[in-house]
N, C-alpha and C. Protein backbone atom coordinates (compact mmCIF):
# COMPACT_ATOMS: atom_id res chain seq x y z
N UNK A 1 0.09 2.98 -20.86
CA UNK A 1 0.56 2.56 -19.56
C UNK A 1 0.28 1.08 -19.36
N UNK A 2 1.21 0.40 -18.76
CA UNK A 2 1.10 -1.03 -18.54
C UNK A 2 0.77 -1.30 -17.07
N UNK A 3 -0.18 -2.19 -16.84
CA UNK A 3 -0.58 -2.54 -15.48
C UNK A 3 0.59 -3.10 -14.67
N UNK A 4 1.60 -3.64 -15.34
CA UNK A 4 2.71 -4.26 -14.63
C UNK A 4 3.90 -3.33 -14.42
N UNK A 5 3.81 -2.10 -14.90
CA UNK A 5 4.87 -1.14 -14.61
C UNK A 5 4.84 -0.79 -13.13
N UNK A 6 5.99 -0.45 -12.58
CA UNK A 6 6.09 -0.04 -11.18
C UNK A 6 6.85 1.28 -11.09
N UNK A 7 6.28 2.36 -11.63
CA UNK A 7 6.98 3.63 -11.59
C UNK A 7 7.04 4.16 -10.16
N UNK A 8 8.03 5.00 -9.86
CA UNK A 8 8.02 5.64 -8.55
C UNK A 8 6.83 6.59 -8.46
N UNK A 9 6.18 6.60 -7.31
CA UNK A 9 5.03 7.46 -7.06
C UNK A 9 5.32 8.23 -5.78
N UNK A 10 5.00 9.53 -5.75
CA UNK A 10 5.38 10.30 -4.56
C UNK A 10 4.40 11.43 -4.30
N UNK A 11 4.20 11.70 -3.02
CA UNK A 11 3.50 12.90 -2.57
C UNK A 11 4.26 13.46 -1.37
N UNK A 12 3.67 14.35 -0.61
CA UNK A 12 4.38 14.98 0.50
C UNK A 12 4.68 14.04 1.65
N UNK A 13 3.99 12.90 1.72
CA UNK A 13 4.11 11.99 2.85
C UNK A 13 4.93 10.75 2.55
N UNK A 14 4.69 10.15 1.38
CA UNK A 14 5.34 8.88 1.06
C UNK A 14 5.87 8.88 -0.37
N UNK A 15 6.80 7.96 -0.59
CA UNK A 15 7.28 7.66 -1.93
C UNK A 15 7.17 6.14 -2.08
N UNK A 16 6.60 5.71 -3.16
CA UNK A 16 6.53 4.29 -3.45
C UNK A 16 7.59 3.98 -4.50
N UNK A 17 8.47 3.06 -4.16
CA UNK A 17 9.55 2.65 -5.05
C UNK A 17 9.38 1.16 -5.36
N UNK A 18 9.74 0.78 -6.58
CA UNK A 18 9.70 -0.65 -6.93
C UNK A 18 10.48 -1.42 -5.87
N UNK A 19 9.86 -2.44 -5.30
CA UNK A 19 10.50 -3.23 -4.25
C UNK A 19 11.77 -3.88 -4.77
N UNK A 20 12.79 -3.85 -3.92
CA UNK A 20 14.12 -4.29 -4.33
C UNK A 20 14.88 -4.76 -3.09
N UNK A 21 15.90 -5.57 -3.30
CA UNK A 21 16.74 -6.04 -2.17
C UNK A 21 17.33 -4.88 -1.37
N UNK A 22 17.51 -3.73 -2.00
CA UNK A 22 18.09 -2.58 -1.30
C UNK A 22 17.21 -2.10 -0.15
N UNK A 23 15.93 -2.47 -0.15
CA UNK A 23 15.01 -2.05 0.92
C UNK A 23 15.07 -2.98 2.14
N UNK A 24 15.80 -4.07 2.03
CA UNK A 24 15.81 -5.12 3.04
C UNK A 24 16.04 -4.61 4.46
N UNK A 25 17.12 -3.91 4.69
CA UNK A 25 17.48 -3.53 6.07
C UNK A 25 16.45 -2.60 6.69
N UNK A 26 15.96 -1.64 5.92
CA UNK A 26 14.91 -0.76 6.44
C UNK A 26 13.67 -1.55 6.80
N UNK A 27 13.28 -2.50 5.94
CA UNK A 27 12.08 -3.28 6.18
C UNK A 27 12.23 -4.20 7.39
N UNK A 28 13.42 -4.74 7.59
CA UNK A 28 13.67 -5.55 8.79
C UNK A 28 13.51 -4.68 10.03
N UNK A 29 14.04 -3.47 10.00
CA UNK A 29 13.87 -2.56 11.15
C UNK A 29 12.41 -2.22 11.38
N UNK A 30 11.67 -2.00 10.30
CA UNK A 30 10.25 -1.62 10.41
C UNK A 30 9.42 -2.75 11.01
N UNK A 31 9.69 -3.98 10.59
CA UNK A 31 8.87 -5.11 11.03
C UNK A 31 9.24 -5.56 12.45
N UNK A 32 10.45 -5.24 12.88
CA UNK A 32 10.91 -5.71 14.19
C UNK A 32 10.20 -5.02 15.35
N UNK A 33 9.73 -3.80 15.15
CA UNK A 33 9.05 -3.07 16.22
C UNK A 33 7.73 -3.75 16.53
N UNK A 34 7.60 -4.25 17.75
CA UNK A 34 6.35 -4.89 18.16
C UNK A 34 6.14 -6.29 17.59
N UNK A 35 7.19 -6.90 17.04
CA UNK A 35 7.08 -8.26 16.49
C UNK A 35 5.87 -8.39 15.57
N UNK A 36 5.76 -7.47 14.63
CA UNK A 36 4.60 -7.39 13.74
C UNK A 36 4.30 -8.70 13.03
N UNK A 37 5.32 -9.46 12.69
CA UNK A 37 5.13 -10.70 11.94
C UNK A 37 4.42 -11.78 12.75
N UNK A 38 4.28 -11.59 14.04
CA UNK A 38 3.61 -12.60 14.87
C UNK A 38 2.08 -12.47 14.84
N UNK A 39 1.54 -11.44 14.18
CA UNK A 39 0.10 -11.26 14.09
C UNK A 39 -0.50 -12.46 13.36
N UNK A 40 -1.39 -13.18 14.01
CA UNK A 40 -1.84 -14.49 13.52
C UNK A 40 -2.75 -14.42 12.31
N UNK A 41 -3.41 -13.29 12.07
CA UNK A 41 -4.43 -13.22 11.01
C UNK A 41 -3.94 -12.49 9.76
N UNK A 42 -2.65 -12.35 9.62
CA UNK A 42 -2.12 -11.72 8.42
C UNK A 42 -0.77 -12.33 8.08
N UNK A 43 -0.26 -12.00 6.91
CA UNK A 43 1.05 -12.49 6.48
C UNK A 43 2.02 -11.31 6.42
N UNK A 44 2.87 -11.21 7.42
CA UNK A 44 3.91 -10.19 7.46
C UNK A 44 5.23 -10.93 7.62
N UNK A 45 6.22 -10.64 6.77
CA UNK A 45 7.49 -11.37 6.89
C UNK A 45 8.21 -11.03 8.19
N UNK A 46 8.90 -12.01 8.73
CA UNK A 46 9.74 -11.79 9.91
C UNK A 46 11.08 -11.23 9.46
N UNK A 47 11.89 -10.73 10.40
CA UNK A 47 13.23 -10.28 9.98
C UNK A 47 14.02 -11.37 9.25
N UNK A 48 13.86 -12.61 9.71
CA UNK A 48 14.61 -13.72 9.11
C UNK A 48 14.10 -14.11 7.72
N UNK A 49 12.82 -13.85 7.45
CA UNK A 49 12.25 -14.24 6.15
C UNK A 49 12.11 -13.06 5.19
N UNK A 50 12.57 -11.89 5.59
CA UNK A 50 12.38 -10.69 4.77
C UNK A 50 13.02 -10.84 3.39
N UNK A 51 14.26 -11.31 3.33
CA UNK A 51 14.94 -11.44 2.03
C UNK A 51 14.16 -12.37 1.11
N UNK A 52 13.67 -13.49 1.66
CA UNK A 52 12.91 -14.44 0.85
C UNK A 52 11.59 -13.82 0.40
N UNK A 53 10.95 -13.03 1.27
CA UNK A 53 9.68 -12.41 0.90
C UNK A 53 9.90 -11.37 -0.21
N UNK A 54 10.95 -10.59 -0.10
CA UNK A 54 11.27 -9.62 -1.17
C UNK A 54 11.50 -10.37 -2.48
N UNK A 55 12.30 -11.44 -2.43
CA UNK A 55 12.59 -12.22 -3.64
C UNK A 55 11.31 -12.82 -4.23
N UNK A 56 10.41 -13.32 -3.36
CA UNK A 56 9.14 -13.89 -3.83
C UNK A 56 8.31 -12.84 -4.54
N UNK A 57 8.22 -11.65 -3.95
CA UNK A 57 7.42 -10.58 -4.56
C UNK A 57 8.03 -10.11 -5.88
N UNK A 58 9.34 -10.03 -5.93
CA UNK A 58 10.01 -9.64 -7.18
C UNK A 58 9.75 -10.68 -8.27
N UNK A 59 9.81 -11.96 -7.91
CA UNK A 59 9.53 -13.04 -8.86
C UNK A 59 8.09 -12.98 -9.35
N UNK A 60 7.16 -12.73 -8.43
CA UNK A 60 5.75 -12.60 -8.83
C UNK A 60 5.57 -11.46 -9.82
N UNK A 61 6.31 -10.38 -9.60
CA UNK A 61 6.25 -9.25 -10.53
C UNK A 61 6.77 -9.67 -11.91
N UNK A 62 7.90 -10.35 -11.92
CA UNK A 62 8.47 -10.82 -13.19
C UNK A 62 7.51 -11.76 -13.92
N UNK A 63 6.70 -12.49 -13.18
CA UNK A 63 5.74 -13.44 -13.77
C UNK A 63 4.41 -12.78 -14.13
N UNK A 64 4.27 -11.48 -13.84
CA UNK A 64 3.05 -10.76 -14.19
C UNK A 64 1.89 -10.94 -13.23
N UNK A 65 2.18 -11.43 -12.01
CA UNK A 65 1.12 -11.69 -11.05
C UNK A 65 0.88 -10.53 -10.08
N UNK A 66 1.85 -9.65 -9.94
CA UNK A 66 1.71 -8.54 -8.99
C UNK A 66 2.70 -7.43 -9.34
N UNK A 67 2.51 -6.29 -8.67
CA UNK A 67 3.42 -5.15 -8.83
C UNK A 67 3.75 -4.65 -7.42
N UNK A 68 4.94 -5.02 -6.89
CA UNK A 68 5.26 -4.66 -5.50
C UNK A 68 6.04 -3.35 -5.38
N UNK A 69 5.69 -2.60 -4.35
CA UNK A 69 6.40 -1.37 -4.02
C UNK A 69 6.85 -1.41 -2.57
N UNK A 70 7.96 -0.73 -2.28
CA UNK A 70 8.34 -0.41 -0.91
C UNK A 70 7.72 0.94 -0.59
N UNK A 71 7.20 1.08 0.63
CA UNK A 71 6.62 2.33 1.08
C UNK A 71 7.70 3.10 1.84
N UNK A 72 8.06 4.27 1.32
CA UNK A 72 9.13 5.08 1.92
C UNK A 72 8.50 6.28 2.62
N UNK A 73 8.81 6.44 3.89
CA UNK A 73 8.38 7.62 4.64
C UNK A 73 9.30 8.76 4.24
N UNK A 74 8.79 9.79 3.56
CA UNK A 74 9.67 10.85 3.05
C UNK A 74 10.32 11.66 4.18
N UNK A 75 9.72 11.65 5.36
CA UNK A 75 10.32 12.42 6.48
C UNK A 75 11.60 11.78 6.98
N UNK A 76 11.75 10.46 6.77
CA UNK A 76 12.97 9.77 7.22
C UNK A 76 13.76 9.18 6.06
N UNK A 77 13.15 9.13 4.88
CA UNK A 77 13.74 8.51 3.69
C UNK A 77 14.06 7.03 3.92
N UNK A 78 13.22 6.37 4.73
CA UNK A 78 13.41 4.95 5.03
C UNK A 78 12.16 4.16 4.65
N UNK A 79 12.38 2.93 4.20
CA UNK A 79 11.26 2.04 3.89
C UNK A 79 10.59 1.63 5.20
N UNK A 80 9.24 1.76 5.22
CA UNK A 80 8.48 1.46 6.44
C UNK A 80 7.43 0.38 6.20
N UNK A 81 7.39 -0.17 5.00
CA UNK A 81 6.41 -1.22 4.70
C UNK A 81 6.42 -1.57 3.23
N UNK A 82 5.45 -2.40 2.85
CA UNK A 82 5.30 -2.85 1.47
C UNK A 82 3.84 -2.76 1.07
N UNK A 83 3.61 -2.65 -0.22
CA UNK A 83 2.25 -2.74 -0.78
C UNK A 83 2.36 -3.22 -2.21
N UNK A 84 1.26 -3.68 -2.77
CA UNK A 84 1.30 -4.24 -4.12
C UNK A 84 -0.01 -4.05 -4.86
N UNK A 85 0.09 -4.04 -6.18
CA UNK A 85 -1.06 -4.33 -7.03
C UNK A 85 -1.07 -5.85 -7.18
N UNK A 86 -2.22 -6.46 -6.99
CA UNK A 86 -2.38 -7.90 -7.15
C UNK A 86 -3.42 -8.18 -8.22
N UNK A 87 -3.34 -9.32 -8.83
CA UNK A 87 -4.32 -9.79 -9.82
C UNK A 87 -4.65 -8.72 -10.86
N UNK A 88 -3.63 -8.16 -11.50
CA UNK A 88 -3.92 -7.15 -12.53
C UNK A 88 -4.70 -7.77 -13.69
N UNK A 89 -5.81 -7.15 -14.05
CA UNK A 89 -6.66 -7.64 -15.13
C UNK A 89 -6.93 -6.52 -16.12
N UNK A 90 -5.98 -6.21 -17.01
CA UNK A 90 -6.19 -5.13 -17.96
C UNK A 90 -7.44 -5.30 -18.82
N UNK A 91 -7.77 -6.52 -19.20
CA UNK A 91 -8.94 -6.75 -20.05
C UNK A 91 -10.23 -6.35 -19.34
N UNK A 92 -10.25 -6.50 -18.03
CA UNK A 92 -11.42 -6.13 -17.24
C UNK A 92 -11.25 -4.78 -16.52
N UNK A 93 -10.10 -4.15 -16.76
CA UNK A 93 -9.78 -2.83 -16.20
C UNK A 93 -9.97 -2.80 -14.68
N UNK A 94 -9.36 -3.79 -14.03
CA UNK A 94 -9.44 -3.85 -12.57
C UNK A 94 -8.17 -4.48 -12.00
N UNK A 95 -7.96 -4.25 -10.73
CA UNK A 95 -6.84 -4.84 -10.00
C UNK A 95 -7.18 -4.79 -8.52
N UNK A 96 -6.34 -5.43 -7.73
CA UNK A 96 -6.48 -5.41 -6.28
C UNK A 96 -5.28 -4.70 -5.68
N UNK A 97 -5.48 -3.92 -4.64
CA UNK A 97 -4.39 -3.37 -3.84
C UNK A 97 -4.33 -4.22 -2.58
N UNK A 98 -3.17 -4.82 -2.33
CA UNK A 98 -3.07 -5.70 -1.17
C UNK A 98 -1.65 -6.08 -0.84
N UNK A 99 -1.53 -7.15 -0.04
CA UNK A 99 -0.24 -7.57 0.51
C UNK A 99 0.48 -6.38 1.12
N UNK A 100 -0.30 -5.54 1.79
CA UNK A 100 0.22 -4.33 2.41
C UNK A 100 0.50 -4.58 3.88
N UNK A 101 1.65 -4.15 4.32
CA UNK A 101 1.91 -4.06 5.76
C UNK A 101 2.74 -2.82 5.99
N UNK A 102 2.52 -2.21 7.13
CA UNK A 102 3.27 -1.02 7.54
C UNK A 102 3.80 -1.24 8.94
N UNK A 103 5.02 -0.76 9.19
CA UNK A 103 5.61 -0.88 10.52
C UNK A 103 4.77 -0.16 11.56
N UNK A 104 4.85 -0.64 12.80
CA UNK A 104 4.05 -0.08 13.90
C UNK A 104 4.28 1.42 14.09
N UNK A 105 5.49 1.89 13.79
CA UNK A 105 5.78 3.31 14.04
C UNK A 105 5.00 4.25 13.13
N UNK A 106 4.48 3.74 12.00
CA UNK A 106 3.72 4.61 11.09
C UNK A 106 2.24 4.22 11.02
N UNK A 107 1.85 3.16 11.73
CA UNK A 107 0.44 2.81 11.75
C UNK A 107 -0.32 3.90 12.50
N UNK A 108 -1.48 4.26 11.97
CA UNK A 108 -2.28 5.32 12.59
C UNK A 108 -1.87 6.72 12.16
N UNK A 109 -0.86 6.82 11.30
CA UNK A 109 -0.45 8.12 10.75
C UNK A 109 -1.09 8.25 9.37
N UNK A 110 -0.68 9.24 8.61
CA UNK A 110 -1.22 9.43 7.26
C UNK A 110 -0.50 8.59 6.20
N UNK A 111 0.46 7.78 6.60
CA UNK A 111 1.24 7.01 5.63
C UNK A 111 0.36 6.08 4.80
N UNK A 112 -0.57 5.35 5.44
CA UNK A 112 -1.42 4.44 4.68
C UNK A 112 -2.30 5.20 3.70
N UNK A 113 -2.98 6.24 4.17
CA UNK A 113 -3.86 7.01 3.29
C UNK A 113 -3.08 7.62 2.13
N UNK A 114 -1.88 8.13 2.41
CA UNK A 114 -1.06 8.75 1.36
C UNK A 114 -0.62 7.71 0.33
N UNK A 115 -0.26 6.52 0.80
CA UNK A 115 0.14 5.44 -0.11
C UNK A 115 -1.03 5.01 -1.00
N UNK A 116 -2.18 4.83 -0.36
CA UNK A 116 -3.35 4.38 -1.11
C UNK A 116 -3.81 5.44 -2.10
N UNK A 117 -3.68 6.72 -1.75
CA UNK A 117 -4.04 7.77 -2.70
C UNK A 117 -3.17 7.67 -3.95
N UNK A 118 -1.88 7.46 -3.79
CA UNK A 118 -0.99 7.32 -4.94
C UNK A 118 -1.37 6.11 -5.80
N UNK A 119 -1.64 4.97 -5.14
CA UNK A 119 -1.99 3.76 -5.87
C UNK A 119 -3.33 3.89 -6.58
N UNK A 120 -4.29 4.52 -5.92
CA UNK A 120 -5.61 4.72 -6.53
C UNK A 120 -5.55 5.72 -7.68
N UNK A 121 -4.76 6.79 -7.52
CA UNK A 121 -4.60 7.75 -8.62
C UNK A 121 -4.03 7.05 -9.85
N UNK A 122 -3.02 6.24 -9.64
CA UNK A 122 -2.44 5.52 -10.78
C UNK A 122 -3.48 4.57 -11.40
N UNK A 123 -4.18 3.82 -10.54
CA UNK A 123 -5.15 2.84 -11.04
C UNK A 123 -6.27 3.51 -11.84
N UNK A 124 -6.89 4.55 -11.27
CA UNK A 124 -8.04 5.16 -11.94
C UNK A 124 -7.65 6.20 -12.99
N UNK A 125 -6.71 7.08 -12.63
CA UNK A 125 -6.39 8.20 -13.51
C UNK A 125 -5.41 7.85 -14.63
N UNK A 126 -4.49 6.92 -14.37
CA UNK A 126 -3.50 6.57 -15.39
C UNK A 126 -3.83 5.28 -16.13
N UNK A 127 -4.26 4.26 -15.39
CA UNK A 127 -4.52 2.96 -16.01
C UNK A 127 -5.96 2.81 -16.49
N UNK A 128 -6.85 3.69 -16.06
CA UNK A 128 -8.25 3.62 -16.50
C UNK A 128 -9.05 2.49 -15.88
N UNK A 129 -8.72 2.11 -14.66
CA UNK A 129 -9.46 1.04 -14.00
C UNK A 129 -10.92 1.45 -13.78
N UNK A 130 -11.79 0.46 -13.80
CA UNK A 130 -13.20 0.70 -13.47
C UNK A 130 -13.52 0.19 -12.07
N UNK A 131 -12.60 -0.60 -11.48
CA UNK A 131 -12.77 -1.08 -10.11
C UNK A 131 -11.41 -1.43 -9.52
N UNK A 132 -11.26 -1.12 -8.25
CA UNK A 132 -10.08 -1.50 -7.48
C UNK A 132 -10.58 -2.23 -6.24
N UNK A 133 -10.02 -3.41 -6.01
CA UNK A 133 -10.47 -4.28 -4.93
C UNK A 133 -9.47 -4.27 -3.78
N UNK A 134 -9.98 -4.52 -2.58
CA UNK A 134 -9.18 -4.70 -1.37
C UNK A 134 -9.72 -5.93 -0.66
N UNK A 135 -8.85 -6.68 0.01
CA UNK A 135 -9.28 -7.85 0.76
C UNK A 135 -8.62 -7.86 2.13
N UNK A 136 -9.34 -8.36 3.13
CA UNK A 136 -8.79 -8.43 4.48
C UNK A 136 -9.37 -9.64 5.21
N UNK A 137 -8.62 -10.15 6.14
CA UNK A 137 -9.09 -11.23 7.02
C UNK A 137 -10.22 -10.69 7.88
N UNK A 138 -11.25 -11.50 8.08
CA UNK A 138 -12.39 -11.10 8.90
C UNK A 138 -11.94 -10.57 10.27
N UNK A 139 -10.93 -11.19 10.87
CA UNK A 139 -10.46 -10.81 12.21
C UNK A 139 -9.49 -9.63 12.20
N UNK A 140 -9.10 -9.17 11.02
CA UNK A 140 -8.17 -8.04 10.94
C UNK A 140 -8.97 -6.73 10.95
N UNK A 141 -9.49 -6.40 12.12
CA UNK A 141 -10.33 -5.21 12.28
C UNK A 141 -9.57 -3.93 11.92
N UNK A 142 -8.28 -3.89 12.21
CA UNK A 142 -7.49 -2.70 11.91
C UNK A 142 -7.44 -2.45 10.40
N UNK A 143 -7.16 -3.48 9.62
CA UNK A 143 -7.11 -3.32 8.16
C UNK A 143 -8.49 -3.03 7.60
N UNK A 144 -9.50 -3.71 8.11
CA UNK A 144 -10.85 -3.47 7.62
C UNK A 144 -11.27 -2.03 7.87
N UNK A 145 -10.95 -1.51 9.04
CA UNK A 145 -11.28 -0.12 9.35
C UNK A 145 -10.53 0.84 8.43
N UNK A 146 -9.25 0.55 8.19
CA UNK A 146 -8.45 1.41 7.31
C UNK A 146 -9.01 1.40 5.88
N UNK A 147 -9.43 0.23 5.41
CA UNK A 147 -10.00 0.13 4.06
C UNK A 147 -11.31 0.92 3.98
N UNK A 148 -12.12 0.80 5.00
CA UNK A 148 -13.39 1.53 5.02
C UNK A 148 -13.15 3.04 5.09
N UNK A 149 -12.12 3.48 5.82
CA UNK A 149 -11.80 4.91 5.90
C UNK A 149 -11.34 5.46 4.56
N UNK A 150 -10.83 4.59 3.69
CA UNK A 150 -10.45 5.03 2.34
C UNK A 150 -11.68 5.40 1.51
N UNK A 151 -12.81 4.83 1.88
CA UNK A 151 -14.02 5.04 1.11
C UNK A 151 -14.46 3.82 0.33
N UNK A 152 -13.79 2.69 0.55
CA UNK A 152 -14.18 1.45 -0.12
C UNK A 152 -15.45 0.90 0.52
N UNK A 153 -16.24 0.23 -0.29
CA UNK A 153 -17.47 -0.39 0.18
C UNK A 153 -17.31 -1.91 0.21
N UNK A 154 -17.92 -2.53 1.20
CA UNK A 154 -17.83 -3.98 1.32
C UNK A 154 -18.70 -4.66 0.26
N UNK A 155 -18.08 -5.56 -0.51
CA UNK A 155 -18.79 -6.33 -1.52
C UNK A 155 -19.36 -7.62 -0.94
N UNK A 156 -18.65 -8.20 0.02
CA UNK A 156 -19.12 -9.46 0.60
C UNK A 156 -18.01 -10.15 1.36
N UNK A 157 -18.33 -11.35 1.85
CA UNK A 157 -17.39 -12.15 2.62
C UNK A 157 -17.27 -13.51 1.94
N UNK A 158 -16.05 -13.91 1.64
CA UNK A 158 -15.77 -15.24 1.10
C UNK A 158 -15.51 -16.15 2.29
N UNK A 159 -16.51 -16.97 2.63
CA UNK A 159 -16.42 -17.82 3.82
C UNK A 159 -15.48 -18.99 3.57
N UNK A 160 -14.72 -19.38 4.62
CA UNK A 160 -13.75 -20.49 4.52
C UNK A 160 -12.91 -20.37 3.25
N UNK A 161 -12.35 -19.20 3.04
CA UNK A 161 -11.67 -18.87 1.79
C UNK A 161 -10.24 -19.39 1.71
N UNK A 162 -9.49 -19.29 2.82
CA UNK A 162 -8.08 -19.64 2.78
C UNK A 162 -7.68 -20.34 4.07
N UNK A 163 -6.90 -21.42 3.94
CA UNK A 163 -6.36 -22.10 5.12
C UNK A 163 -4.96 -21.54 5.37
N UNK A 164 -4.77 -20.96 6.55
CA UNK A 164 -3.48 -20.39 6.92
C UNK A 164 -2.52 -21.48 7.41
N UNK A 165 -1.24 -21.13 7.40
CA UNK A 165 -0.19 -22.05 7.83
C UNK A 165 -0.41 -22.53 9.26
N UNK A 166 -1.03 -21.67 10.12
CA UNK A 166 -1.25 -22.03 11.51
C UNK A 166 -2.50 -22.88 11.71
N UNK A 167 -3.15 -23.27 10.61
CA UNK A 167 -4.31 -24.13 10.68
C UNK A 167 -5.65 -23.41 10.77
N UNK A 168 -5.62 -22.10 10.96
CA UNK A 168 -6.88 -21.35 11.01
C UNK A 168 -7.40 -21.15 9.59
N UNK A 169 -8.71 -20.92 9.50
CA UNK A 169 -9.33 -20.71 8.19
C UNK A 169 -9.78 -19.26 8.10
N UNK A 170 -9.38 -18.61 7.04
CA UNK A 170 -9.68 -17.19 6.85
C UNK A 170 -11.00 -17.00 6.11
N UNK A 171 -11.86 -16.20 6.70
CA UNK A 171 -12.98 -15.64 5.96
C UNK A 171 -12.45 -14.32 5.40
N UNK A 172 -12.53 -14.12 4.09
CA UNK A 172 -11.98 -12.95 3.44
C UNK A 172 -13.07 -11.92 3.17
N UNK A 173 -12.88 -10.73 3.70
CA UNK A 173 -13.82 -9.63 3.46
C UNK A 173 -13.33 -8.89 2.21
N UNK A 174 -14.21 -8.76 1.23
CA UNK A 174 -13.86 -8.14 -0.05
C UNK A 174 -14.52 -6.75 -0.12
N UNK A 175 -13.71 -5.76 -0.48
CA UNK A 175 -14.16 -4.38 -0.64
C UNK A 175 -13.79 -3.91 -2.04
N UNK A 176 -14.41 -2.82 -2.47
CA UNK A 176 -13.99 -2.21 -3.74
C UNK A 176 -14.34 -0.73 -3.76
N UNK A 177 -13.64 -0.06 -4.64
CA UNK A 177 -13.97 1.31 -5.05
C UNK A 177 -14.16 1.22 -6.56
N UNK A 178 -15.26 1.77 -7.07
CA UNK A 178 -15.49 1.74 -8.51
C UNK A 178 -15.26 3.14 -9.09
N UNK A 179 -15.12 3.20 -10.40
CA UNK A 179 -14.73 4.45 -11.06
C UNK A 179 -15.71 5.59 -10.78
N UNK A 180 -17.00 5.31 -10.66
CA UNK A 180 -17.97 6.38 -10.39
C UNK A 180 -17.78 6.97 -8.99
N UNK A 181 -17.21 6.19 -8.07
CA UNK A 181 -16.97 6.66 -6.70
C UNK A 181 -15.63 7.38 -6.55
N UNK A 182 -14.73 7.15 -7.50
CA UNK A 182 -13.37 7.63 -7.37
C UNK A 182 -13.27 9.14 -7.15
N UNK A 183 -13.97 10.01 -7.88
CA UNK A 183 -13.81 11.45 -7.64
C UNK A 183 -14.10 11.85 -6.19
N UNK A 184 -15.14 11.28 -5.58
CA UNK A 184 -15.46 11.60 -4.19
C UNK A 184 -14.41 11.02 -3.24
N UNK A 185 -14.00 9.79 -3.50
CA UNK A 185 -12.96 9.15 -2.67
C UNK A 185 -11.67 9.96 -2.74
N UNK A 186 -11.32 10.43 -3.94
CA UNK A 186 -10.09 11.20 -4.11
C UNK A 186 -10.13 12.49 -3.31
N UNK A 187 -11.25 13.21 -3.36
CA UNK A 187 -11.38 14.45 -2.59
C UNK A 187 -11.29 14.15 -1.10
N UNK A 188 -11.99 13.11 -0.64
CA UNK A 188 -11.98 12.77 0.80
C UNK A 188 -10.57 12.40 1.27
N UNK A 189 -9.86 11.61 0.49
CA UNK A 189 -8.49 11.25 0.86
C UNK A 189 -7.57 12.46 0.85
N UNK A 190 -7.71 13.31 -0.15
CA UNK A 190 -6.88 14.51 -0.24
C UNK A 190 -7.12 15.42 0.97
N UNK A 191 -8.38 15.54 1.38
CA UNK A 191 -8.71 16.35 2.55
C UNK A 191 -8.12 15.76 3.83
N UNK A 192 -8.12 14.43 3.94
CA UNK A 192 -7.51 13.78 5.11
C UNK A 192 -6.03 14.11 5.21
N UNK A 193 -5.39 14.28 4.08
CA UNK A 193 -3.95 14.50 4.06
C UNK A 193 -3.56 15.97 4.18
N UNK A 194 -4.53 16.87 4.14
CA UNK A 194 -4.23 18.30 4.26
C UNK A 194 -3.90 18.68 5.68
């Protein structure tokens, strides 16, 4: 198995499909609810920049920097967000799950947990990862809470890590799940989805 493959992944809640221009209209609809792209502490494409963001992610995949998926809600068969493997490091058997956003209509549902279960199963069970990392802006309490609910543990905070386009400076909170924790995390996530 190759870290850069983007096979379709599916369970009863979501299907992850390799991100493609065909997902554009669904993703524009998903992001438009509540003006999600206006959230100051994260990067979510606006309806006007969606095509460029999809193209950027596809190019990053072609360059070996990431593996992007569209998140499909199986109950509607519509794309409701995006997620990616970032910084794939086969030699170190690790990667990051990130650049994730979900439309407001599915936030707080099981869509995030179901998506992450699929990505973690692939990372640990198929690719043989020994660690999977997650990162979030210090002020993004919603994402930090969601990452912690997955069972990830906080590794630390990278202070003054990134300067955002709006001039603010991001402190990045780094989390991980390691291979020894994966069996318990998998059971806990599976139980959440039952």
